[in-house]
Amino acid sequence: MSSTPIRENQRYGLIRSAWAGLEPLWLVFWVYGVLGGNILGYGLEKLVDVLPWYLVLLLLVPVAAFYAWLNVATWRCAANSSPVWCFLARGTVVLTALIFLWSLWGGSSGDT
């Protein structure tokens, strides 16, 4: 048996440790956010063309959960970086939330 303590994120697993803010920001932002988000978006874009509309709507639930988790994890893990990267990462989260709310309000509908 080892006498060294187990790191918190090894005990939790990747999803829970990122949610708790225990992962490095670069991992959460670049790997989970940029890479994972683009793969998820590309896959969903392809599925929209072949699935009935009600299954696409059903798929939006886990996709929305992923992006909610990603934004919370990014915000919390931003504290694990330099002040500049923390500010930029949290600014990205705020900007993402504002764009999402604007699109819900109808800002991207093109109506004038």
N, C-alpha and C. Protein backbone atom coordinates (compact mmCIF):
# COMPACT_ATOMS: atom_id res chain seq x y z
N MET A 1 0.82 -1.19 0.00
CA MET A 1 0.00 0.00 0.00
C MET A 1 0.86 1.24 0.00
N SER A 2 0.46 2.21 -0.76
CA SER A 2 1.21 3.46 -0.86
C SER A 2 0.74 4.44 0.19
N SER A 3 1.68 5.19 0.71
CA SER A 3 1.31 6.18 1.72
C SER A 3 1.00 7.54 1.11
N THR A 4 1.20 7.69 -0.20
CA THR A 4 0.90 8.98 -0.83
C THR A 4 -0.60 9.12 -1.02
N PRO A 5 -1.11 10.33 -0.76
CA PRO A 5 -2.57 10.52 -0.91
C PRO A 5 -2.99 10.47 -2.37
N ILE A 6 -4.19 10.00 -2.60
CA ILE A 6 -4.76 9.96 -3.94
C ILE A 6 -5.24 11.36 -4.30
N ARG A 7 -4.86 11.83 -5.47
CA ARG A 7 -5.35 13.13 -5.91
C ARG A 7 -6.87 13.08 -6.03
N GLU A 8 -7.48 14.19 -5.74
CA GLU A 8 -8.95 14.26 -5.77
C GLU A 8 -9.52 13.87 -7.13
N ASN A 9 -8.91 14.35 -8.21
CA ASN A 9 -9.49 14.08 -9.52
C ASN A 9 -9.32 12.63 -9.93
N GLN A 10 -8.34 11.92 -9.37
CA GLN A 10 -8.22 10.50 -9.66
C GLN A 10 -9.33 9.72 -8.97
N ARG A 11 -9.77 10.20 -7.86
CA ARG A 11 -10.83 9.53 -7.13
C ARG A 11 -12.20 9.78 -7.77
N TYR A 12 -12.40 10.94 -8.33
CA TYR A 12 -13.69 11.33 -8.88
C TYR A 12 -13.96 10.83 -10.30
N GLY A 13 -12.96 10.77 -11.11
CA GLY A 13 -13.17 10.52 -12.54
C GLY A 13 -13.21 11.85 -13.27
N LEU A 14 -13.06 11.78 -14.57
CA LEU A 14 -12.91 13.01 -15.36
C LEU A 14 -14.12 13.93 -15.31
N ILE A 15 -15.30 13.39 -15.42
CA ILE A 15 -16.51 14.23 -15.48
C ILE A 15 -16.73 14.95 -14.16
N ARG A 16 -16.69 14.20 -13.08
CA ARG A 16 -16.92 14.81 -11.77
C ARG A 16 -15.79 15.73 -11.34
N SER A 17 -14.55 15.38 -11.68
CA SER A 17 -13.44 16.24 -11.26
C SER A 17 -13.43 17.54 -12.06
N ALA A 18 -13.82 17.50 -13.33
CA ALA A 18 -13.94 18.74 -14.10
C ALA A 18 -15.08 19.59 -13.55
N TRP A 19 -16.18 18.96 -13.20
CA TRP A 19 -17.33 19.68 -12.61
C TRP A 19 -16.91 20.35 -11.30
N ALA A 20 -16.06 19.68 -10.54
CA ALA A 20 -15.61 20.22 -9.25
C ALA A 20 -14.49 21.26 -9.42
N GLY A 21 -13.98 21.44 -10.63
CA GLY A 21 -12.93 22.41 -10.86
C GLY A 21 -11.54 21.90 -10.55
N LEU A 22 -11.35 20.59 -10.60
CA LEU A 22 -10.07 19.99 -10.24
C LEU A 22 -9.17 19.67 -11.42
N GLU A 23 -9.66 19.85 -12.62
CA GLU A 23 -8.87 19.55 -13.82
C GLU A 23 -8.16 20.80 -14.32
N PRO A 24 -7.10 20.64 -15.09
CA PRO A 24 -6.45 21.82 -15.68
C PRO A 24 -7.35 22.47 -16.72
N LEU A 25 -7.28 23.78 -16.79
CA LEU A 25 -8.13 24.52 -17.73
C LEU A 25 -7.91 24.10 -19.17
N TRP A 26 -6.67 23.89 -19.57
CA TRP A 26 -6.39 23.54 -20.97
C TRP A 26 -7.11 22.26 -21.37
N LEU A 27 -7.20 21.30 -20.47
CA LEU A 27 -7.86 20.04 -20.77
C LEU A 27 -9.37 20.25 -20.97
N VAL A 28 -9.97 20.97 -20.05
CA VAL A 28 -11.41 21.19 -20.13
C VAL A 28 -11.76 22.06 -21.33
N PHE A 29 -11.03 23.15 -21.53
CA PHE A 29 -11.38 24.08 -22.60
C PHE A 29 -11.06 23.51 -23.98
N TRP A 30 -9.82 23.09 -24.19
CA TRP A 30 -9.39 22.69 -25.53
C TRP A 30 -9.82 21.27 -25.90
N VAL A 31 -9.66 20.33 -24.99
CA VAL A 31 -9.97 18.94 -25.34
C VAL A 31 -11.47 18.68 -25.25
N TYR A 32 -12.05 18.95 -24.08
CA TYR A 32 -13.48 18.69 -23.93
C TYR A 32 -14.33 19.70 -24.69
N GLY A 33 -13.96 20.98 -24.60
CA GLY A 33 -14.76 22.03 -25.21
C GLY A 33 -14.60 22.14 -26.71
N VAL A 34 -13.39 22.45 -27.14
CA VAL A 34 -13.18 22.69 -28.58
C VAL A 34 -13.24 21.38 -29.36
N LEU A 35 -12.42 20.42 -28.99
CA LEU A 35 -12.39 19.16 -29.74
C LEU A 35 -13.70 18.38 -29.56
N GLY A 36 -14.08 18.14 -28.32
CA GLY A 36 -15.31 17.38 -28.05
C GLY A 36 -16.55 18.08 -28.56
N GLY A 37 -16.61 19.40 -28.38
CA GLY A 37 -17.77 20.15 -28.85
C GLY A 37 -17.90 20.14 -30.36
N ASN A 38 -16.78 20.23 -31.06
CA ASN A 38 -16.83 20.18 -32.53
C ASN A 38 -17.22 18.80 -33.03
N ILE A 39 -16.71 17.76 -32.41
CA ILE A 39 -17.10 16.40 -32.80
C ILE A 39 -18.58 16.18 -32.54
N LEU A 40 -19.06 16.62 -31.38
CA LEU A 40 -20.48 16.49 -31.05
C LEU A 40 -21.35 17.29 -32.02
N GLY A 41 -20.94 18.51 -32.31
CA GLY A 41 -21.71 19.35 -33.23
C GLY A 41 -21.74 18.78 -34.63
N TYR A 42 -20.61 18.27 -35.10
CA TYR A 42 -20.55 17.66 -36.43
C TYR A 42 -21.45 16.43 -36.50
N GLY A 43 -21.38 15.59 -35.46
CA GLY A 43 -22.22 14.40 -35.44
C GLY A 43 -23.70 14.73 -35.40
N LEU A 44 -24.06 15.73 -34.61
CA LEU A 44 -25.46 16.14 -34.54
C LEU A 44 -25.93 16.73 -35.86
N GLU A 45 -25.05 17.49 -36.51
CA GLU A 45 -25.40 18.07 -37.81
C GLU A 45 -25.70 16.97 -38.83
N LYS A 46 -24.92 15.91 -38.81
CA LYS A 46 -25.14 14.80 -39.74
C LYS A 46 -26.40 14.02 -39.39
N LEU A 47 -26.69 13.88 -38.10
CA LEU A 47 -27.88 13.14 -37.68
C LEU A 47 -29.17 13.89 -37.99
N VAL A 48 -29.11 15.21 -37.99
CA VAL A 48 -30.30 16.01 -38.28
C VAL A 48 -30.85 15.68 -39.66
N ASP A 49 -29.96 15.36 -40.58
CA ASP A 49 -30.39 15.06 -41.94
C ASP A 49 -31.05 13.70 -42.10
N VAL A 50 -30.78 12.76 -41.18
CA VAL A 50 -31.28 11.40 -41.38
C VAL A 50 -32.30 10.96 -40.33
N LEU A 51 -32.39 11.65 -39.22
CA LEU A 51 -33.33 11.25 -38.17
C LEU A 51 -34.63 12.04 -38.25
N PRO A 52 -35.72 11.45 -37.80
CA PRO A 52 -36.97 12.22 -37.70
C PRO A 52 -36.81 13.35 -36.67
N TRP A 53 -37.60 14.39 -36.83
CA TRP A 53 -37.48 15.59 -36.01
C TRP A 53 -37.60 15.30 -34.52
N TYR A 54 -38.47 14.35 -34.13
CA TYR A 54 -38.68 14.09 -32.70
C TYR A 54 -37.46 13.42 -32.07
N LEU A 55 -36.71 12.63 -32.83
CA LEU A 55 -35.48 12.05 -32.30
C LEU A 55 -34.37 13.10 -32.20
N VAL A 56 -34.37 14.04 -33.13
CA VAL A 56 -33.41 15.14 -33.05
C VAL A 56 -33.67 15.96 -31.80
N LEU A 57 -34.95 16.23 -31.52
CA LEU A 57 -35.29 16.97 -30.30
C LEU A 57 -34.87 16.19 -29.06
N LEU A 58 -35.03 14.88 -29.10
CA LEU A 58 -34.62 14.05 -27.97
C LEU A 58 -33.11 14.09 -27.77
N LEU A 59 -32.37 14.17 -28.85
CA LEU A 59 -30.91 14.25 -28.76
C LEU A 59 -30.43 15.59 -28.19
N LEU A 60 -31.26 16.60 -28.30
CA LEU A 60 -30.86 17.91 -27.80
C LEU A 60 -30.73 17.94 -26.28
N VAL A 61 -31.41 17.04 -25.59
CA VAL A 61 -31.32 17.01 -24.12
C VAL A 61 -29.91 16.66 -23.66
N PRO A 62 -29.31 15.54 -24.10
CA PRO A 62 -27.93 15.28 -23.65
C PRO A 62 -26.92 16.29 -24.21
N VAL A 63 -27.18 16.84 -25.39
CA VAL A 63 -26.27 17.85 -25.94
C VAL A 63 -26.31 19.11 -25.08
N ALA A 64 -27.50 19.53 -24.68
CA ALA A 64 -27.62 20.70 -23.81
C ALA A 64 -26.98 20.42 -22.45
N ALA A 65 -27.13 19.21 -21.94
CA ALA A 65 -26.49 18.84 -20.67
C ALA A 65 -24.97 18.89 -20.79
N PHE A 66 -24.44 18.43 -21.92
CA PHE A 66 -22.99 18.48 -22.14
C PHE A 66 -22.49 19.92 -22.13
N TYR A 67 -23.16 20.80 -22.85
CA TYR A 67 -22.71 22.18 -22.91
C TYR A 67 -22.88 22.91 -21.57
N ALA A 68 -23.92 22.57 -20.82
CA ALA A 68 -24.07 23.15 -19.48
C ALA A 68 -22.93 22.67 -18.58
N TRP A 69 -22.63 21.37 -18.63
CA TRP A 69 -21.51 20.82 -17.85
C TRP A 69 -20.19 21.48 -18.27
N LEU A 70 -20.00 21.64 -19.57
CA LEU A 70 -18.76 22.21 -20.09
C LEU A 70 -18.56 23.64 -19.60
N ASN A 71 -19.61 24.44 -19.62
CA ASN A 71 -19.47 25.83 -19.18
C ASN A 71 -19.21 25.93 -17.68
N VAL A 72 -19.88 25.10 -16.88
CA VAL A 72 -19.63 25.10 -15.44
C VAL A 72 -18.20 24.63 -15.16
N ALA A 73 -17.78 23.55 -15.84
CA ALA A 73 -16.43 23.02 -15.64
C ALA A 73 -15.37 24.04 -16.07
N THR A 74 -15.60 24.72 -17.19
CA THR A 74 -14.65 25.73 -17.65
C THR A 74 -14.54 26.86 -16.63
N TRP A 75 -15.67 27.33 -16.13
CA TRP A 75 -15.67 28.41 -15.14
C TRP A 75 -14.88 27.99 -13.90
N ARG A 76 -15.17 26.81 -13.40
CA ARG A 76 -14.52 26.36 -12.16
C ARG A 76 -13.05 26.03 -12.36
N CYS A 77 -12.69 25.42 -13.48
CA CYS A 77 -11.30 25.05 -13.73
C CYS A 77 -10.45 26.24 -14.15
N ALA A 78 -11.08 27.35 -14.48
CA ALA A 78 -10.33 28.54 -14.86
C ALA A 78 -9.44 29.01 -13.71
N ALA A 79 -9.84 28.74 -12.50
CA ALA A 79 -9.03 29.13 -11.33
C ALA A 79 -7.70 28.39 -11.27
N ASN A 80 -7.57 27.31 -12.04
CA ASN A 80 -6.33 26.51 -12.05
C ASN A 80 -5.31 27.04 -13.04
N SER A 81 -5.50 28.24 -13.53
CA SER A 81 -4.59 28.80 -14.53
C SER A 81 -4.15 30.20 -14.11
N SER A 82 -3.40 30.84 -14.97
CA SER A 82 -2.95 32.20 -14.67
C SER A 82 -4.15 33.16 -14.68
N PRO A 83 -4.00 34.31 -14.05
CA PRO A 83 -5.11 35.28 -14.04
C PRO A 83 -5.61 35.67 -15.43
N VAL A 84 -4.70 35.77 -16.39
CA VAL A 84 -5.10 36.16 -17.75
C VAL A 84 -5.97 35.07 -18.36
N TRP A 85 -5.54 33.81 -18.30
CA TRP A 85 -6.31 32.71 -18.87
C TRP A 85 -7.62 32.51 -18.10
N CYS A 86 -7.58 32.74 -16.81
CA CYS A 86 -8.81 32.65 -16.01
C CYS A 86 -9.83 33.67 -16.50
N PHE A 87 -9.38 34.91 -16.70
CA PHE A 87 -10.25 35.97 -17.19
C PHE A 87 -10.80 35.64 -18.58
N LEU A 88 -9.93 35.18 -19.47
CA LEU A 88 -10.36 34.86 -20.84
C LEU A 88 -11.34 33.68 -20.86
N ALA A 89 -11.07 32.66 -20.07
CA ALA A 89 -11.96 31.49 -20.05
C ALA A 89 -13.33 31.86 -19.48
N ARG A 90 -13.34 32.61 -18.39
CA ARG A 90 -14.62 33.01 -17.80
C ARG A 90 -15.36 34.00 -18.70
N GLY A 91 -14.62 34.83 -19.40
CA GLY A 91 -15.24 35.72 -20.37
C GLY A 91 -15.89 34.95 -21.50
N THR A 92 -15.26 33.86 -21.92
CA THR A 92 -15.83 33.00 -22.95
C THR A 92 -17.13 32.36 -22.47
N VAL A 93 -17.15 31.95 -21.21
CA VAL A 93 -18.37 31.35 -20.64
C VAL A 93 -19.49 32.38 -20.61
N VAL A 94 -19.19 33.59 -20.17
CA VAL A 94 -20.21 34.65 -20.12
C VAL A 94 -20.70 34.98 -21.53
N LEU A 95 -19.78 35.11 -22.46
CA LEU A 95 -20.15 35.41 -23.84
C LEU A 95 -21.01 34.30 -24.44
N THR A 96 -20.66 33.06 -24.17
CA THR A 96 -21.46 31.92 -24.64
C THR A 96 -22.88 31.98 -24.08
N ALA A 97 -23.00 32.28 -22.79
CA ALA A 97 -24.33 32.37 -22.16
C ALA A 97 -25.14 33.52 -22.77
N LEU A 98 -24.49 34.65 -23.01
CA LEU A 98 -25.20 35.79 -23.61
C LEU A 98 -25.66 35.48 -25.03
N ILE A 99 -24.82 34.84 -25.81
CA ILE A 99 -25.20 34.47 -27.18
C ILE A 99 -26.35 33.47 -27.16
N PHE A 100 -26.30 32.51 -26.24
CA PHE A 100 -27.39 31.54 -26.12
C PHE A 100 -28.70 32.23 -25.76
N LEU A 101 -28.67 33.12 -24.77
CA LEU A 101 -29.89 33.84 -24.39
C LEU A 101 -30.40 34.73 -25.50
N TRP A 102 -29.50 35.37 -26.23
CA TRP A 102 -29.88 36.22 -27.36
C TRP A 102 -30.57 35.40 -28.44
N SER A 103 -30.04 34.19 -28.70
CA SER A 103 -30.64 33.35 -29.73
C SER A 103 -32.01 32.83 -29.28
N LEU A 104 -32.18 32.58 -27.99
CA LEU A 104 -33.50 32.17 -27.49
C LEU A 104 -34.51 33.30 -27.62
N TRP A 105 -34.05 34.49 -27.42
CA TRP A 105 -34.92 35.66 -27.48
C TRP A 105 -35.33 35.98 -28.90
N GLY A 106 -34.64 35.42 -29.87
CA GLY A 106 -35.00 35.63 -31.26
C GLY A 106 -34.03 36.54 -31.98
N GLY A 107 -32.88 36.78 -31.39
CA GLY A 107 -31.90 37.68 -31.97
C GLY A 107 -31.32 37.21 -33.28
N SER A 108 -31.34 35.91 -33.51
CA SER A 108 -30.75 35.40 -34.75
C SER A 108 -31.81 35.04 -35.80
N SER A 109 -33.05 35.45 -35.58
CA SER A 109 -34.13 35.07 -36.48
C SER A 109 -34.11 35.86 -37.79
N GLY A 110 -33.45 36.99 -37.80
CA GLY A 110 -33.39 37.79 -39.01
C GLY A 110 -34.58 38.73 -39.15
N ASP A 111 -35.52 38.70 -38.22
CA ASP A 111 -36.67 39.61 -38.26
C ASP A 111 -36.22 41.02 -37.89
N THR A 112 -36.71 41.99 -38.66
CA THR A 112 -36.39 43.38 -38.35
C THR A 112 -37.63 44.20 -38.21
